[in-house]
């Protein structure tokens, strides 16, 4: 059994039960370019409003482009900066908030990009890769580090690699979190039938 397999109330795909977001990554194990391309291929086939595909990914690989990886890692803030640099791959997700066809606001850009990342995440899980998304980063520094042009907006940084030993983490609360069971709100707190009541 996967160390963080979710205990679900209803039967779902094993892939969904096995997906989790570690902080500990195996710093010595690279992710192949071919495997990364499989992740982005999964994201490419995610649905989007008007088929705009408003997401873009800037990939930094510690084994192939250490300077770029370090530059993106330095945009991380808070406790993310303490663990994320050990992940072999950091990816900046950027979103175009306007439609390409008419340059008007794309009100679904963030929703659509979230779906693309979800597809990518499940593909990663199916391949034995781990992924953790981080909103704790300096947007301007990440934009500069990855040369993100307007009108794209840096949205999230993802750490990708193979799960590592929680004992490698320097923060006690992070080590403890890696071992705790995953939890979610019960369905009756998030689903309403017919009306929100």
C-alpha atoms as a PDB file:
ATOM      1  CA  UNK A   1       0.000   0.000   0.000  1.00  0.00           C
ATOM      2  CA  UNK A   2       1.188   3.523  -0.814  1.00  0.00           C
ATOM      3  CA  UNK A   3       2.309   5.283   2.384  1.00  0.00           C
ATOM      4  CA  UNK A   4      -0.295   8.065   2.066  1.00  0.00           C
ATOM      5  CA  UNK A   5      -3.206   6.245   0.426  1.00  0.00           C
ATOM      6  CA  UNK A   6      -6.462   7.986   1.303  1.00  0.00           C
ATOM      7  CA  UNK A   7      -9.171   6.162   3.201  1.00  0.00           C
ATOM      8  CA  UNK A   8     -12.216   7.159   1.142  1.00  0.00           C
ATOM      9  CA  UNK A   9     -15.882   6.907   2.134  1.00  0.00           C
ATOM     10  CA  UNK A  10     -16.867   5.870  -1.399  1.00  0.00           C
ATOM     11  CA  UNK A  11     -15.127   3.827  -4.062  1.00  0.00           C
ATOM     12  CA  UNK A  12     -12.903   5.937  -6.358  1.00  0.00           C
ATOM     13  CA  UNK A  13      -9.989   5.218  -8.663  1.00  0.00           C
ATOM     14  CA  UNK A  14      -6.896   3.963  -6.844  1.00  0.00           C
ATOM     15  CA  UNK A  15      -4.990   6.721  -8.640  1.00  0.00           C
ATOM     16  CA  UNK A  16      -7.027   9.346  -6.782  1.00  0.00           C
ATOM     17  CA  UNK A  17      -6.565   7.563  -3.455  1.00  0.00           C
ATOM     18  CA  UNK A  18      -2.789   7.365  -3.973  1.00  0.00           C
ATOM     19  CA  UNK A  19      -2.199  10.997  -4.976  1.00  0.00           C
ATOM     20  CA  UNK A  20      -0.603  13.045  -2.236  1.00  0.00           C
ATOM     21  CA  UNK A  21       1.687  16.040  -1.897  1.00  0.00           C
ATOM     22  CA  UNK A  22       4.982  15.269  -0.145  1.00  0.00           C
ATOM     23  CA  UNK A  23       7.621  17.745   0.897  1.00  0.00           C
ATOM     24  CA  UNK A  24      10.384  15.153   1.055  1.00  0.00           C
ATOM     25  CA  UNK A  25      11.861  14.356  -2.358  1.00  0.00           C
ATOM     26  CA  UNK A  26      14.662  12.030  -3.378  1.00  0.00           C
ATOM     27  CA  UNK A  27      17.257  14.680  -4.235  1.00  0.00           C
ATOM     28  CA  UNK A  28      19.540  12.183  -5.985  1.00  0.00           C
ATOM     29  CA  UNK A  29      16.984  10.766  -8.422  1.00  0.00           C
ATOM     30  CA  UNK A  30      16.334  12.771 -11.602  1.00  0.00           C
ATOM     31  CA  UNK A  31      13.137  12.713 -13.642  1.00  0.00           C
ATOM     32  CA  UNK A  32      13.722  11.890 -17.296  1.00  0.00           C
ATOM     33  CA  UNK A  33      12.788  14.324 -20.050  1.00  0.00           C
ATOM     34  CA  UNK A  34      10.556  11.623 -21.527  1.00  0.00           C
ATOM     35  CA  UNK A  35       8.622  11.271 -18.274  1.00  0.00           C
ATOM     36  CA  UNK A  36       8.228  15.036 -17.980  1.00  0.00           C
ATOM     37  CA  UNK A  37       6.886  15.180 -21.530  1.00  0.00           C
ATOM     38  CA  UNK A  38       4.270  12.590 -20.575  1.00  0.00           C
ATOM     39  CA  UNK A  39       3.086  14.895 -17.765  1.00  0.00           C
ATOM     40  CA  UNK A  40       2.724  17.863 -20.091  1.00  0.00           C
ATOM     41  CA  UNK A  41       1.006  15.719 -22.698  1.00  0.00           C
ATOM     42  CA  UNK A  42      -1.625  14.857 -20.075  1.00  0.00           C
ATOM     43  CA  UNK A  43      -2.079  18.559 -19.269  1.00  0.00           C
ATOM     44  CA  UNK A  44      -2.335  19.361 -22.983  1.00  0.00           C
ATOM     45  CA  UNK A  45      -5.472  17.232 -23.290  1.00  0.00           C
ATOM     46  CA  UNK A  46      -7.292  18.892 -20.430  1.00  0.00           C
ATOM     47  CA  UNK A  47     -10.517  20.706 -21.398  1.00  0.00           C
ATOM     48  CA  UNK A  48     -10.613  24.494 -21.529  1.00  0.00           C
ATOM     49  CA  UNK A  49     -13.136  27.165 -22.436  1.00  0.00           C
ATOM     50  CA  UNK A  50     -12.982  27.879 -26.198  1.00  0.00           C
ATOM     51  CA  UNK A  51     -10.038  25.434 -26.239  1.00  0.00           C
ATOM     52  CA  UNK A  52      -7.859  28.411 -25.241  1.00  0.00           C
ATOM     53  CA  UNK A  53      -5.425  26.324 -23.181  1.00  0.00           C
ATOM     54  CA  UNK A  54      -4.415  29.384 -21.138  1.00  0.00           C
ATOM     55  CA  UNK A  55      -1.697  27.560 -19.177  1.00  0.00           C
ATOM     56  CA  UNK A  56       2.046  27.551 -19.794  1.00  0.00           C
ATOM     57  CA  UNK A  57       4.757  25.606 -17.949  1.00  0.00           C
ATOM     58  CA  UNK A  58       8.344  26.726 -17.385  1.00  0.00           C
ATOM     59  CA  UNK A  59      10.406  23.672 -16.388  1.00  0.00           C
ATOM     60  CA  UNK A  60      13.596  23.939 -14.359  1.00  0.00           C
ATOM     61  CA  UNK A  61      15.554  20.735 -13.840  1.00  0.00           C
ATOM     62  CA  UNK A  62      18.257  20.727 -11.155  1.00  0.00           C
ATOM     63  CA  UNK A  63      20.224  18.105 -13.108  1.00  0.00           C
ATOM     64  CA  UNK A  64      20.006  19.835 -16.505  1.00  0.00           C
ATOM     65  CA  UNK A  65      19.643  23.549 -15.753  1.00  0.00           C
ATOM     66  CA  UNK A  66      20.843  24.096 -12.200  1.00  0.00           C
ATOM     67  CA  UNK A  67      21.030  27.896 -12.594  1.00  0.00           C
ATOM     68  CA  UNK A  68      17.408  28.130 -13.731  1.00  0.00           C
ATOM     69  CA  UNK A  69      16.296  25.739 -10.984  1.00  0.00           C
ATOM     70  CA  UNK A  70      18.095  27.821  -8.357  1.00  0.00           C
ATOM     71  CA  UNK A  71      16.629  31.052  -9.732  1.00  0.00           C
ATOM     72  CA  UNK A  72      13.082  29.709  -9.456  1.00  0.00           C
ATOM     73  CA  UNK A  73      13.795  28.182  -6.029  1.00  0.00           C
ATOM     74  CA  UNK A  74      14.882  31.599  -4.738  1.00  0.00           C
ATOM     75  CA  UNK A  75      11.398  32.946  -5.514  1.00  0.00           C
ATOM     76  CA  UNK A  76       9.897  30.595  -2.905  1.00  0.00           C
ATOM     77  CA  UNK A  77       8.893  32.140   0.400  1.00  0.00           C
ATOM     78  CA  UNK A  78       8.227  30.880   3.903  1.00  0.00           C
ATOM     79  CA  UNK A  79       8.921  27.255   4.717  1.00  0.00           C
ATOM     80  CA  UNK A  80       8.717  26.270   1.037  1.00  0.00           C
ATOM     81  CA  UNK A  81      12.238  27.601   0.653  1.00  0.00           C
ATOM     82  CA  UNK A  82      13.464  25.084   3.247  1.00  0.00           C
ATOM     83  CA  UNK A  83      12.518  21.920   1.358  1.00  0.00           C
ATOM     84  CA  UNK A  84      11.556  22.565  -2.270  1.00  0.00           C
ATOM     85  CA  UNK A  85      15.049  23.077  -3.698  1.00  0.00           C
ATOM     86  CA  UNK A  86      15.757  19.379  -3.100  1.00  0.00           C
ATOM     87  CA  UNK A  87      13.069  18.412  -5.641  1.00  0.00           C
ATOM     88  CA  UNK A  88      14.768  17.569  -8.938  1.00  0.00           C
ATOM     89  CA  UNK A  89      12.238  19.574 -10.943  1.00  0.00           C
ATOM     90  CA  UNK A  90      10.506  22.880 -10.214  1.00  0.00           C
ATOM     91  CA  UNK A  91       7.841  24.054 -12.651  1.00  0.00           C
ATOM     92  CA  UNK A  92       6.260  27.482 -12.798  1.00  0.00           C
ATOM     93  CA  UNK A  93       2.666  27.472 -14.023  1.00  0.00           C
ATOM     94  CA  UNK A  94       1.687  30.718 -15.733  1.00  0.00           C
ATOM     95  CA  UNK A  95      -1.801  31.668 -16.856  1.00  0.00           C
ATOM     96  CA  UNK A  96      -3.022  33.952 -19.626  1.00  0.00           C
ATOM     97  CA  UNK A  97      -6.004  35.830 -18.180  1.00  0.00           C
ATOM     98  CA  UNK A  98      -7.147  37.175 -21.550  1.00  0.00           C
ATOM     99  CA  UNK A  99      -8.489  35.344 -24.584  1.00  0.00           C
ATOM    100  CA  UNK A 100      -6.046  35.084 -27.479  1.00  0.00           C
ATOM    101  CA  UNK A 101      -8.792  35.502 -30.062  1.00  0.00           C
ATOM    102  CA  UNK A 102     -10.068  38.883 -28.839  1.00  0.00           C
ATOM    103  CA  UNK A 103      -7.899  39.957 -25.897  1.00  0.00           C
ATOM    104  CA  UNK A 104     -10.931  40.180 -23.601  1.00  0.00           C
ATOM    105  CA  UNK A 105     -10.939  38.752 -20.078  1.00  0.00           C
ATOM    106  CA  UNK A 106     -10.970  34.959 -19.908  1.00  0.00           C
ATOM    107  CA  UNK A 107     -13.092  34.412 -16.817  1.00  0.00           C
ATOM    108  CA  UNK A 108     -12.333  30.678 -16.893  1.00  0.00           C
ATOM    109  CA  UNK A 109      -8.542  30.865 -17.256  1.00  0.00           C
ATOM    110  CA  UNK A 110      -7.731  29.912 -13.670  1.00  0.00           C
ATOM    111  CA  UNK A 111     -10.367  27.171 -13.571  1.00  0.00           C
ATOM    112  CA  UNK A 112      -9.115  25.713 -16.846  1.00  0.00           C
ATOM    113  CA  UNK A 113      -5.477  25.875 -15.772  1.00  0.00           C
ATOM    114  CA  UNK A 114      -6.360  24.124 -12.528  1.00  0.00           C
ATOM    115  CA  UNK A 115      -7.855  21.289 -14.563  1.00  0.00           C
ATOM    116  CA  UNK A 116      -4.663  21.027 -16.627  1.00  0.00           C
ATOM    117  CA  UNK A 117      -2.588  20.754 -13.461  1.00  0.00           C
ATOM    118  CA  UNK A 118      -5.006  18.141 -12.099  1.00  0.00           C
ATOM    119  CA  UNK A 119      -4.570  16.038 -15.254  1.00  0.00           C
ATOM    120  CA  UNK A 120      -0.803  16.442 -14.958  1.00  0.00           C
ATOM    121  CA  UNK A 121      -0.921  15.475 -11.268  1.00  0.00           C
ATOM    122  CA  UNK A 122      -2.861  12.279 -11.874  1.00  0.00           C
ATOM    123  CA  UNK A 123      -0.518  11.352 -14.720  1.00  0.00           C
ATOM    124  CA  UNK A 124       2.421  11.877 -12.367  1.00  0.00           C
ATOM    125  CA  UNK A 125       0.802   9.668  -9.727  1.00  0.00           C
ATOM    126  CA  UNK A 126       0.230   6.912 -12.293  1.00  0.00           C
ATOM    127  CA  UNK A 127       3.972   6.987 -13.067  1.00  0.00           C
ATOM    128  CA  UNK A 128       5.135   6.824  -9.442  1.00  0.00           C
ATOM    129  CA  UNK A 129       6.097  10.503  -9.403  1.00  0.00           C
ATOM    130  CA  UNK A 130       5.187  12.893  -6.613  1.00  0.00           C
ATOM    131  CA  UNK A 131       4.151  16.495  -6.993  1.00  0.00           C
ATOM    132  CA  UNK A 132       3.492  19.336  -4.565  1.00  0.00           C
ATOM    133  CA  UNK A 133       1.976  22.651  -5.595  1.00  0.00           C
ATOM    134  CA  UNK A 134       3.010  25.861  -3.848  1.00  0.00           C
ATOM    135  CA  UNK A 135       1.335  29.227  -3.791  1.00  0.00           C
ATOM    136  CA  UNK A 136       4.013  30.551  -1.415  1.00  0.00           C
ATOM    137  CA  UNK A 137       6.322  32.324  -3.847  1.00  0.00           C
ATOM    138  CA  UNK A 138       7.188  35.855  -4.913  1.00  0.00           C
ATOM    139  CA  UNK A 139       5.380  36.439  -8.207  1.00  0.00           C
ATOM    140  CA  UNK A 140       7.742  39.142  -9.469  1.00  0.00           C
ATOM    141  CA  UNK A 141      10.867  37.126  -8.696  1.00  0.00           C
ATOM    142  CA  UNK A 142       9.392  34.044 -10.362  1.00  0.00           C
ATOM    143  CA  UNK A 143       8.405  36.114 -13.413  1.00  0.00           C
ATOM    144  CA  UNK A 144      11.968  37.417 -13.693  1.00  0.00           C
ATOM    145  CA  UNK A 145      13.579  34.032 -13.025  1.00  0.00           C
ATOM    146  CA  UNK A 146      11.528  32.348 -15.752  1.00  0.00           C
ATOM    147  CA  UNK A 147      11.247  35.315 -18.160  1.00  0.00           C
ATOM    148  CA  UNK A 148       7.436  35.086 -18.170  1.00  0.00           C
ATOM    149  CA  UNK A 149       6.019  37.624 -20.649  1.00  0.00           C
ATOM    150  CA  UNK A 150       2.842  39.638 -20.306  1.00  0.00           C
ATOM    151  CA  UNK A 151      -0.060  38.925 -20.395  1.00  0.00           C
ATOM    152  CA  UNK A 152       0.806  35.690 -18.527  1.00  0.00           C
ATOM    153  CA  UNK A 153       0.650  35.675 -14.729  1.00  0.00           C
ATOM    154  CA  UNK A 154       2.730  33.309 -12.557  1.00  0.00           C
ATOM    155  CA  UNK A 155       0.179  31.215 -10.667  1.00  0.00           C
ATOM    156  CA  UNK A 156       1.842  28.344  -8.825  1.00  0.00           C
ATOM    157  CA  UNK A 157       5.168  26.538  -8.512  1.00  0.00           C
ATOM    158  CA  UNK A 158       5.184  22.740  -8.583  1.00  0.00           C
ATOM    159  CA  UNK A 159       7.891  20.513  -7.134  1.00  0.00           C
ATOM    160  CA  UNK A 160       8.120  17.225  -9.046  1.00  0.00           C
ATOM    161  CA  UNK A 161      10.190  14.137  -8.341  1.00  0.00           C
ATOM    162  CA  UNK A 162      10.183  10.880  -6.445  1.00  0.00           C
ATOM    163  CA  UNK A 163       9.049  10.893  -2.813  1.00  0.00           C
ATOM    164  CA  UNK A 164      11.960  10.849  -0.398  1.00  0.00           C
ATOM    165  CA  UNK A 165      12.647  10.135   3.246  1.00  0.00           C
ATOM    166  CA  UNK A 166      10.648  12.413   5.593  1.00  0.00           C
ATOM    167  CA  UNK A 167      13.632  12.347   7.974  1.00  0.00           C
ATOM    168  CA  UNK A 168      15.496  14.481   5.412  1.00  0.00           C
ATOM    169  CA  UNK A 169      13.192  17.418   6.188  1.00  0.00           C
ATOM    170  CA  UNK A 170      14.617  20.070   8.499  1.00  0.00           C
ATOM    171  CA  UNK A 171      11.309  21.310   9.957  1.00  0.00           C
ATOM    172  CA  UNK A 172       9.736  19.110  12.650  1.00  0.00           C
ATOM    173  CA  UNK A 173       6.157  19.937  11.607  1.00  0.00           C
ATOM    174  CA  UNK A 174       6.963  18.946   8.008  1.00  0.00           C
ATOM    175  CA  UNK A 175       8.334  15.567   9.118  1.00  0.00           C
ATOM    176  CA  UNK A 176       5.231  14.948  11.220  1.00  0.00           C
ATOM    177  CA  UNK A 177       2.918  16.011   8.386  1.00  0.00           C
ATOM    178  CA  UNK A 178       4.489  13.483   6.016  1.00  0.00           C
ATOM    179  CA  UNK A 179       3.386  10.664   8.344  1.00  0.00           C
ATOM    180  CA  UNK A 180      -0.155  11.814   9.200  1.00  0.00           C
ATOM    181  CA  UNK A 181      -3.120  10.295   7.368  1.00  0.00           C
ATOM    182  CA  UNK A 182      -4.746  12.457   4.713  1.00  0.00           C
ATOM    183  CA  UNK A 183      -8.135  13.924   5.615  1.00  0.00           C
ATOM    184  CA  UNK A 184     -10.918  15.776   3.839  1.00  0.00           C
ATOM    185  CA  UNK A 185     -14.252  17.315   4.791  1.00  0.00           C
ATOM    186  CA  UNK A 186     -17.128  14.835   4.639  1.00  0.00           C
ATOM    187  CA  UNK A 187     -19.286  14.883   1.509  1.00  0.00           C
ATOM    188  CA  UNK A 188     -22.294  16.267   3.373  1.00  0.00           C
ATOM    189  CA  UNK A 189     -20.304  19.445   4.047  1.00  0.00           C
ATOM    190  CA  UNK A 190     -19.447  20.042   0.385  1.00  0.00           C
ATOM    191  CA  UNK A 191     -22.357  18.623  -1.627  1.00  0.00           C
ATOM    192  CA  UNK A 192     -25.943  19.922  -1.689  1.00  0.00           C
ATOM    193  CA  UNK A 193     -28.740  18.079  -3.486  1.00  0.00           C
ATOM    194  CA  UNK A 194     -31.200  20.276  -5.374  1.00  0.00           C
ATOM    195  CA  UNK A 195     -30.500  23.448  -3.381  1.00  0.00           C
ATOM    196  CA  UNK A 196     -27.817  24.836  -1.086  1.00  0.00           C
ATOM    197  CA  UNK A 197     -29.454  24.225   2.286  1.00  0.00           C
END
